[in-house]
Amino acid sequence: MDVESVAEFYQQLGKNNLDTLGDIYHQDVVFEDPAHKMHGLTTLERYFVTMYSNVTDCRFQISSADQVEDRGYIRWLMFLTHPKLSSGKEIQVEGMTFVQFSEGKVIHHKDYFDLGAMLYERLPLLGRVITSIKRKLGQS
């Protein structure tokens, strides 16, 4: 297993092939993103099933993948359509994933992305407040 294989896996991942997570993830995987930290393949599988059942669409476009020894980084753009975000319109979130391998599988996966841009700014009332604050800070 290498970082290119993980990148390819994510480009193919969807609601219909979540049963293949065990092909790349170690039984004792630690998976982290800005909102969650979970341990173990079974927990990760439940998380993905729940996540994908709540979205209309979620897909990844990989821009680069690099590896040194048993660690790698993947840069990606996620296209997400969720009925409760942005009135159900597709949103794009840029991010990066760190992966570490053990015994030929991913033992540690950590996603880095702006949770506010993905979630909070897309909620009707809170989104307007955050946009206003960003304008005042000169960020938008």
C-alpha atoms as a PDB file:
ATOM      1  CA  MET A   1       0.000   0.000   0.000  1.00  0.00           C
ATOM      2  CA  ASP A   2       1.213   3.492  -0.856  1.00  0.00           C
ATOM      3  CA  VAL A   3      -0.142   7.020  -0.890  1.00  0.00           C
ATOM      4  CA  GLU A   4      -1.021   6.813  -4.603  1.00  0.00           C
ATOM      5  CA  SER A   5      -3.248   3.795  -3.860  1.00  0.00           C
ATOM      6  CA  VAL A   6      -5.023   5.721  -1.097  1.00  0.00           C
ATOM      7  CA  ALA A   7      -5.535   8.702  -3.428  1.00  0.00           C
ATOM      8  CA  GLU A   8      -6.992   6.428  -6.115  1.00  0.00           C
ATOM      9  CA  PHE A   9      -9.226   4.740  -3.519  1.00  0.00           C
ATOM     10  CA  TYR A  10     -10.704   8.097  -2.489  1.00  0.00           C
ATOM     11  CA  GLN A  11     -11.360   9.113  -6.074  1.00  0.00           C
ATOM     12  CA  GLN A  12     -13.474   5.944  -6.409  1.00  0.00           C
ATOM     13  CA  LEU A  13     -15.133   6.059  -2.969  1.00  0.00           C
ATOM     14  CA  GLY A  14     -18.910   6.367  -2.854  1.00  0.00           C
ATOM     15  CA  LYS A  15     -22.058   5.120  -1.150  1.00  0.00           C
ATOM     16  CA  ASN A  16     -21.909   1.807  -3.009  1.00  0.00           C
ATOM     17  CA  ASN A  17     -18.394   0.675  -2.056  1.00  0.00           C
ATOM     18  CA  LEU A  18     -17.998   1.596   1.610  1.00  0.00           C
ATOM     19  CA  ASP A  19     -17.500  -2.104   2.353  1.00  0.00           C
ATOM     20  CA  THR A  20     -13.997  -1.787   0.854  1.00  0.00           C
ATOM     21  CA  LEU A  21     -12.601   0.495   3.589  1.00  0.00           C
ATOM     22  CA  GLY A  22     -10.874  -2.542   5.115  1.00  0.00           C
ATOM     23  CA  ASP A  23      -8.839  -2.884   1.920  1.00  0.00           C
ATOM     24  CA  ILE A  24      -6.800   0.194   2.819  1.00  0.00           C
ATOM     25  CA  TYR A  25      -7.326   0.773   6.542  1.00  0.00           C
ATOM     26  CA  HIS A  26      -5.582  -1.160   9.317  1.00  0.00           C
ATOM     27  CA  GLN A  27      -7.803  -2.789  11.961  1.00  0.00           C
ATOM     28  CA  ASP A  28      -6.347  -0.371  14.564  1.00  0.00           C
ATOM     29  CA  VAL A  29      -6.566   2.789  12.450  1.00  0.00           C
ATOM     30  CA  VAL A  30      -6.779   6.219  14.065  1.00  0.00           C
ATOM     31  CA  PHE A  31      -8.841   8.559  11.890  1.00  0.00           C
ATOM     32  CA  GLU A  32      -9.036  12.292  12.592  1.00  0.00           C
ATOM     33  CA  ASP A  33     -10.664  15.274  10.956  1.00  0.00           C
ATOM     34  CA  PRO A  34     -11.475  18.746  12.353  1.00  0.00           C
ATOM     35  CA  ALA A  35     -14.661  17.435  14.005  1.00  0.00           C
ATOM     36  CA  HIS A  36     -13.877  13.801  14.931  1.00  0.00           C
ATOM     37  CA  LYS A  37     -11.272  11.429  16.241  1.00  0.00           C
ATOM     38  CA  MET A  38     -11.984   7.728  16.119  1.00  0.00           C
ATOM     39  CA  HIS A  39     -10.134   4.490  16.732  1.00  0.00           C
ATOM     40  CA  GLY A  40     -10.576   1.189  14.928  1.00  0.00           C
ATOM     41  CA  LEU A  41     -11.812   0.033  11.563  1.00  0.00           C
ATOM     42  CA  THR A  42     -15.309  -0.857  12.795  1.00  0.00           C
ATOM     43  CA  THR A  43     -15.841   2.656  14.185  1.00  0.00           C
ATOM     44  CA  LEU A  44     -14.503   4.173  10.962  1.00  0.00           C
ATOM     45  CA  GLU A  45     -16.824   2.033   8.843  1.00  0.00           C
ATOM     46  CA  ARG A  46     -19.856   3.158  10.902  1.00  0.00           C
ATOM     47  CA  TYR A  47     -18.769   6.791  10.548  1.00  0.00           C
ATOM     48  CA  PHE A  48     -18.506   6.544   6.756  1.00  0.00           C
ATOM     49  CA  VAL A  49     -21.864   4.764   6.432  1.00  0.00           C
ATOM     50  CA  THR A  50     -23.546   7.487   8.502  1.00  0.00           C
ATOM     51  CA  MET A  51     -21.775  10.300   6.669  1.00  0.00           C
ATOM     52  CA  TYR A  52     -22.577   8.989   3.202  1.00  0.00           C
ATOM     53  CA  SER A  53     -26.207   8.274   4.127  1.00  0.00           C
ATOM     54  CA  ASN A  54     -26.664  11.970   4.995  1.00  0.00           C
ATOM     55  CA  VAL A  55     -25.156  13.466   1.827  1.00  0.00           C
ATOM     56  CA  THR A  56     -26.549  13.632  -1.678  1.00  0.00           C
ATOM     57  CA  ASP A  57     -23.056  13.368  -3.171  1.00  0.00           C
ATOM     58  CA  CYS A  58     -19.452  13.415  -1.995  1.00  0.00           C
ATOM     59  CA  ARG A  59     -16.461  12.959  -4.258  1.00  0.00           C
ATOM     60  CA  PHE A  60     -12.785  13.837  -4.283  1.00  0.00           C
ATOM     61  CA  GLN A  61     -10.445  15.244  -6.889  1.00  0.00           C
ATOM     62  CA  ILE A  62      -6.798  14.599  -6.011  1.00  0.00           C
ATOM     63  CA  SER A  63      -4.304  17.314  -6.959  1.00  0.00           C
ATOM     64  CA  SER A  64      -1.122  15.723  -5.596  1.00  0.00           C
ATOM     65  CA  ALA A  65       0.160  12.852  -3.492  1.00  0.00           C
ATOM     66  CA  ASP A  66       3.636  12.525  -2.011  1.00  0.00           C
ATOM     67  CA  GLN A  67       5.248   9.898   0.172  1.00  0.00           C
ATOM     68  CA  VAL A  68       8.455   9.496   2.149  1.00  0.00           C
ATOM     69  CA  GLU A  69       8.989   6.061   3.671  1.00  0.00           C
ATOM     70  CA  ASP A  70       5.819   5.077   5.568  1.00  0.00           C
ATOM     71  CA  ARG A  71       4.179   8.540   5.575  1.00  0.00           C
ATOM     72  CA  GLY A  72       2.414  10.527   2.915  1.00  0.00           C
ATOM     73  CA  TYR A  73       0.319  13.573   2.107  1.00  0.00           C
ATOM     74  CA  ILE A  74      -2.579  13.930  -0.299  1.00  0.00           C
ATOM     75  CA  ARG A  75      -3.949  17.298  -1.473  1.00  0.00           C
ATOM     76  CA  TRP A  76      -7.576  17.180  -2.557  1.00  0.00           C
ATOM     77  CA  LEU A  77     -10.690  19.079  -3.454  1.00  0.00           C
ATOM     78  CA  MET A  78     -13.923  17.658  -2.071  1.00  0.00           C
ATOM     79  CA  PHE A  79     -17.200  18.235  -3.875  1.00  0.00           C
ATOM     80  CA  LEU A  80     -20.023  17.879  -1.377  1.00  0.00           C
ATOM     81  CA  THR A  81     -23.779  18.126  -1.811  1.00  0.00           C
ATOM     82  CA  HIS A  82     -25.792  18.008   1.405  1.00  0.00           C
ATOM     83  CA  PRO A  83     -29.486  18.883   1.584  1.00  0.00           C
ATOM     84  CA  LYS A  84     -28.979  21.112   4.645  1.00  0.00           C
ATOM     85  CA  LEU A  85     -25.915  23.040   3.413  1.00  0.00           C
ATOM     86  CA  SER A  86     -26.042  25.860   0.846  1.00  0.00           C
ATOM     87  CA  SER A  87     -29.664  25.047   0.008  1.00  0.00           C
ATOM     88  CA  GLY A  88     -28.538  21.662  -1.303  1.00  0.00           C
ATOM     89  CA  LYS A  89     -26.090  23.159  -3.817  1.00  0.00           C
ATOM     90  CA  GLU A  90     -22.675  21.602  -4.332  1.00  0.00           C
ATOM     91  CA  ILE A  91     -19.869  23.097  -2.250  1.00  0.00           C
ATOM     92  CA  GLN A  92     -16.134  22.686  -2.699  1.00  0.00           C
ATOM     93  CA  VAL A  93     -13.717  22.239   0.165  1.00  0.00           C
ATOM     94  CA  GLU A  94      -9.956  22.162  -0.265  1.00  0.00           C
ATOM     95  CA  GLY A  95      -7.980  19.970   2.090  1.00  0.00           C
ATOM     96  CA  MET A  96      -5.008  17.777   2.794  1.00  0.00           C
ATOM     97  CA  THR A  97      -4.664  14.337   4.327  1.00  0.00           C
ATOM     98  CA  PHE A  98      -1.721  12.887   6.226  1.00  0.00           C
ATOM     99  CA  VAL A  99      -1.470   9.100   6.179  1.00  0.00           C
ATOM    100  CA  GLN A 100       0.909   6.712   7.909  1.00  0.00           C
ATOM    101  CA  PHE A 101       1.210   3.048   6.979  1.00  0.00           C
ATOM    102  CA  SER A 102       1.758  -0.065   9.042  1.00  0.00           C
ATOM    103  CA  GLU A 103       1.647  -3.658   7.841  1.00  0.00           C
ATOM    104  CA  GLY A 104       0.684  -2.488   4.347  1.00  0.00           C
ATOM    105  CA  LYS A 105      -2.368  -0.476   5.422  1.00  0.00           C
ATOM    106  CA  VAL A 106      -3.226   3.019   6.706  1.00  0.00           C
ATOM    107  CA  ILE A 107      -2.784   3.065  10.483  1.00  0.00           C
ATOM    108  CA  HIS A 108      -3.190   6.846  10.913  1.00  0.00           C
ATOM    109  CA  HIS A 109      -5.283   9.198   8.773  1.00  0.00           C
ATOM    110  CA  LYS A 110      -5.608  12.897   9.585  1.00  0.00           C
ATOM    111  CA  ASP A 111      -7.582  15.346   7.450  1.00  0.00           C
ATOM    112  CA  TYR A 112      -6.881  19.069   7.433  1.00  0.00           C
ATOM    113  CA  PHE A 113      -9.565  21.417   6.065  1.00  0.00           C
ATOM    114  CA  ASP A 114     -11.495  24.521   7.053  1.00  0.00           C
ATOM    115  CA  LEU A 115     -14.546  23.210   8.904  1.00  0.00           C
ATOM    116  CA  GLY A 116     -15.997  26.719   9.058  1.00  0.00           C
ATOM    117  CA  ALA A 117     -15.879  27.106   5.276  1.00  0.00           C
ATOM    118  CA  MET A 118     -17.441  23.688   4.836  1.00  0.00           C
ATOM    119  CA  LEU A 119     -20.125  23.810   7.495  1.00  0.00           C
ATOM    120  CA  TYR A 120     -20.637  26.935   9.578  1.00  0.00           C
ATOM    121  CA  GLU A 121     -20.515  29.432   6.702  1.00  0.00           C
ATOM    122  CA  ARG A 122     -23.126  27.352   4.847  1.00  0.00           C
ATOM    123  CA  LEU A 123     -25.777  27.550   7.565  1.00  0.00           C
ATOM    124  CA  PRO A 124     -28.399  30.284   6.951  1.00  0.00           C
ATOM    125  CA  LEU A 125     -28.125  32.535  10.035  1.00  0.00           C
ATOM    126  CA  LEU A 126     -24.643  31.607  11.245  1.00  0.00           C
ATOM    127  CA  GLY A 127     -23.232  31.890   7.727  1.00  0.00           C
ATOM    128  CA  ARG A 128     -24.267  35.542   7.448  1.00  0.00           C
ATOM    129  CA  VAL A 129     -22.682  36.319  10.822  1.00  0.00           C
ATOM    130  CA  ILE A 130     -19.381  34.634   9.881  1.00  0.00           C
ATOM    131  CA  THR A 131     -19.324  36.341   6.458  1.00  0.00           C
ATOM    132  CA  SER A 132     -19.872  39.711   8.146  1.00  0.00           C
ATOM    133  CA  ILE A 133     -17.051  39.069  10.625  1.00  0.00           C
ATOM    134  CA  LYS A 134     -14.693  38.014   7.814  1.00  0.00           C
ATOM    135  CA  ARG A 135     -15.498  41.194   5.862  1.00  0.00           C
ATOM    136  CA  LYS A 136     -14.647  43.276   8.897  1.00  0.00           C
ATOM    137  CA  LEU A 137     -11.356  41.413   9.219  1.00  0.00           C
ATOM    138  CA  GLY A 138     -10.623  41.920   5.521  1.00  0.00           C
ATOM    139  CA  GLN A 139     -10.713  38.205   4.696  1.00  0.00           C
ATOM    140  CA  SER A 140     -13.503  38.162   2.153  1.00  0.00           C
END
